[in-house]
Amino acid sequence: MSTRVQPAKLLHSKWTAVTPLNREKHFIVTALIEPEPGAGLERITLEAVLTRRSFDLPWRELQDSSRWRQGWR
């Protein structure tokens, strides 16, 4: 099953990891990464609320409901 995600509304959205690692469960999208202006969104930067650790991943991975849930739960 997948979650509907609109790329234009991702910035500053909140996400919960279904299986937390290193006590990192809640995340905020802090950046949208386009390879070239106008080329379309490819990746995002997620920041863990607890540790402030950031990492990039393809934005479509947020649609995997077995790994991510929209909002903080």
C-alpha atoms as a PDB file:
ATOM      1  CA  MET A   1       0.000   0.000   0.000  1.00  0.00           C
ATOM      2  CA  SER A   2       1.253   3.498  -0.738  1.00  0.00           C
ATOM      3  CA  THR A   3       0.608   6.950   0.640  1.00  0.00           C
ATOM      4  CA  ARG A   4      -0.364   9.744  -1.746  1.00  0.00           C
ATOM      5  CA  VAL A   5       2.298  12.418  -1.656  1.00  0.00           C
ATOM      6  CA  GLN A   6       2.244  15.704  -3.557  1.00  0.00           C
ATOM      7  CA  PRO A   7       5.812  16.870  -4.252  1.00  0.00           C
ATOM      8  CA  ALA A   8       4.846  20.563  -4.170  1.00  0.00           C
ATOM      9  CA  LYS A   9       3.631  20.229  -0.555  1.00  0.00           C
ATOM     10  CA  LEU A  10       6.552  18.275   0.892  1.00  0.00           C
ATOM     11  CA  LEU A  11       8.674  21.138   2.251  1.00  0.00           C
ATOM     12  CA  HIS A  12       8.331  21.325   6.068  1.00  0.00           C
ATOM     13  CA  SER A  13       6.016  18.302   6.136  1.00  0.00           C
ATOM     14  CA  LYS A  14       6.272  15.905   9.090  1.00  0.00           C
ATOM     15  CA  TRP A  15       6.881  12.157   8.846  1.00  0.00           C
ATOM     16  CA  THR A  16       7.067   9.214  11.243  1.00  0.00           C
ATOM     17  CA  ALA A  17       9.335   6.234  10.646  1.00  0.00           C
ATOM     18  CA  VAL A  18       7.397   2.983  11.048  1.00  0.00           C
ATOM     19  CA  THR A  19      10.566   1.272  12.335  1.00  0.00           C
ATOM     20  CA  PRO A  20      12.699   3.835  14.209  1.00  0.00           C
ATOM     21  CA  LEU A  21      16.482   3.530  14.107  1.00  0.00           C
ATOM     22  CA  ASN A  22      18.712   5.026  16.825  1.00  0.00           C
ATOM     23  CA  ARG A  23      15.601   6.398  18.591  1.00  0.00           C
ATOM     24  CA  GLU A  24      14.924   8.573  15.516  1.00  0.00           C
ATOM     25  CA  LYS A  25      11.208   8.350  14.848  1.00  0.00           C
ATOM     26  CA  HIS A  26       9.997  11.828  13.865  1.00  0.00           C
ATOM     27  CA  PHE A  27      11.329  13.712  10.841  1.00  0.00           C
ATOM     28  CA  ILE A  28      10.781  17.008   8.989  1.00  0.00           C
ATOM     29  CA  VAL A  29      11.436  17.609   5.293  1.00  0.00           C
ATOM     30  CA  THR A  30      13.950  20.481   5.332  1.00  0.00           C
ATOM     31  CA  ALA A  31      14.905  20.718   1.639  1.00  0.00           C
ATOM     32  CA  LEU A  32      13.683  19.776  -1.820  1.00  0.00           C
ATOM     33  CA  ILE A  33      16.451  18.807  -4.247  1.00  0.00           C
ATOM     34  CA  GLU A  34      16.055  19.359  -7.995  1.00  0.00           C
ATOM     35  CA  PRO A  35      19.017  18.347 -10.195  1.00  0.00           C
ATOM     36  CA  GLU A  36      18.398  21.388 -12.428  1.00  0.00           C
ATOM     37  CA  PRO A  37      15.904  24.240 -12.065  1.00  0.00           C
ATOM     38  CA  GLY A  38      12.574  23.206 -13.537  1.00  0.00           C
ATOM     39  CA  ALA A  39      13.650  19.563 -13.954  1.00  0.00           C
ATOM     40  CA  GLY A  40      11.305  18.311 -11.260  1.00  0.00           C
ATOM     41  CA  LEU A  41      11.806  17.088  -7.753  1.00  0.00           C
ATOM     42  CA  GLU A  42      14.030  14.023  -7.328  1.00  0.00           C
ATOM     43  CA  ARG A  43      15.232  13.963  -3.732  1.00  0.00           C
ATOM     44  CA  ILE A  44      14.433  15.469  -0.343  1.00  0.00           C
ATOM     45  CA  THR A  45      16.393  16.107   2.829  1.00  0.00           C
ATOM     46  CA  LEU A  46      14.880  14.689   6.012  1.00  0.00           C
ATOM     47  CA  GLU A  47      16.001  15.872   9.449  1.00  0.00           C
ATOM     48  CA  ALA A  48      15.448  13.831  12.607  1.00  0.00           C
ATOM     49  CA  VAL A  49      13.741  15.921  15.277  1.00  0.00           C
ATOM     50  CA  LEU A  50      15.538  14.243  18.197  1.00  0.00           C
ATOM     51  CA  THR A  51      19.126  14.239  16.912  1.00  0.00           C
ATOM     52  CA  ARG A  52      19.042  16.836  14.098  1.00  0.00           C
ATOM     53  CA  ARG A  53      20.761  14.275  11.823  1.00  0.00           C
ATOM     54  CA  SER A  54      19.958  14.914   8.147  1.00  0.00           C
ATOM     55  CA  PHE A  55      19.974  12.615   5.152  1.00  0.00           C
ATOM     56  CA  ASP A  56      18.781  12.659   1.551  1.00  0.00           C
ATOM     57  CA  LEU A  57      16.487  10.145  -0.079  1.00  0.00           C
ATOM     58  CA  PRO A  58      14.304   9.914  -3.191  1.00  0.00           C
ATOM     59  CA  TRP A  59      11.000  11.644  -2.383  1.00  0.00           C
ATOM     60  CA  ARG A  60       8.991   8.692  -3.729  1.00  0.00           C
ATOM     61  CA  GLU A  61      10.232   6.532  -0.834  1.00  0.00           C
ATOM     62  CA  LEU A  62       7.823   8.441   1.407  1.00  0.00           C
ATOM     63  CA  GLN A  63       4.986   6.722  -0.468  1.00  0.00           C
ATOM     64  CA  ASP A  64       5.995   3.366   1.047  1.00  0.00           C
ATOM     65  CA  SER A  65       3.566   3.005   3.964  1.00  0.00           C
ATOM     66  CA  SER A  66       5.564   0.075   5.354  1.00  0.00           C
ATOM     67  CA  ARG A  67       8.417   2.537   6.095  1.00  0.00           C
ATOM     68  CA  TRP A  68       6.837   6.003   6.489  1.00  0.00           C
ATOM     69  CA  ARG A  69       3.630   7.555   7.831  1.00  0.00           C
ATOM     70  CA  GLN A  70       2.614  11.127   7.188  1.00  0.00           C
ATOM     71  CA  GLY A  71       2.429  13.302  10.304  1.00  0.00           C
ATOM     72  CA  TRP A  72       3.793  12.526  13.769  1.00  0.00           C
ATOM     73  CA  ARG A  73       2.338   9.485  15.509  1.00  0.00           C
END
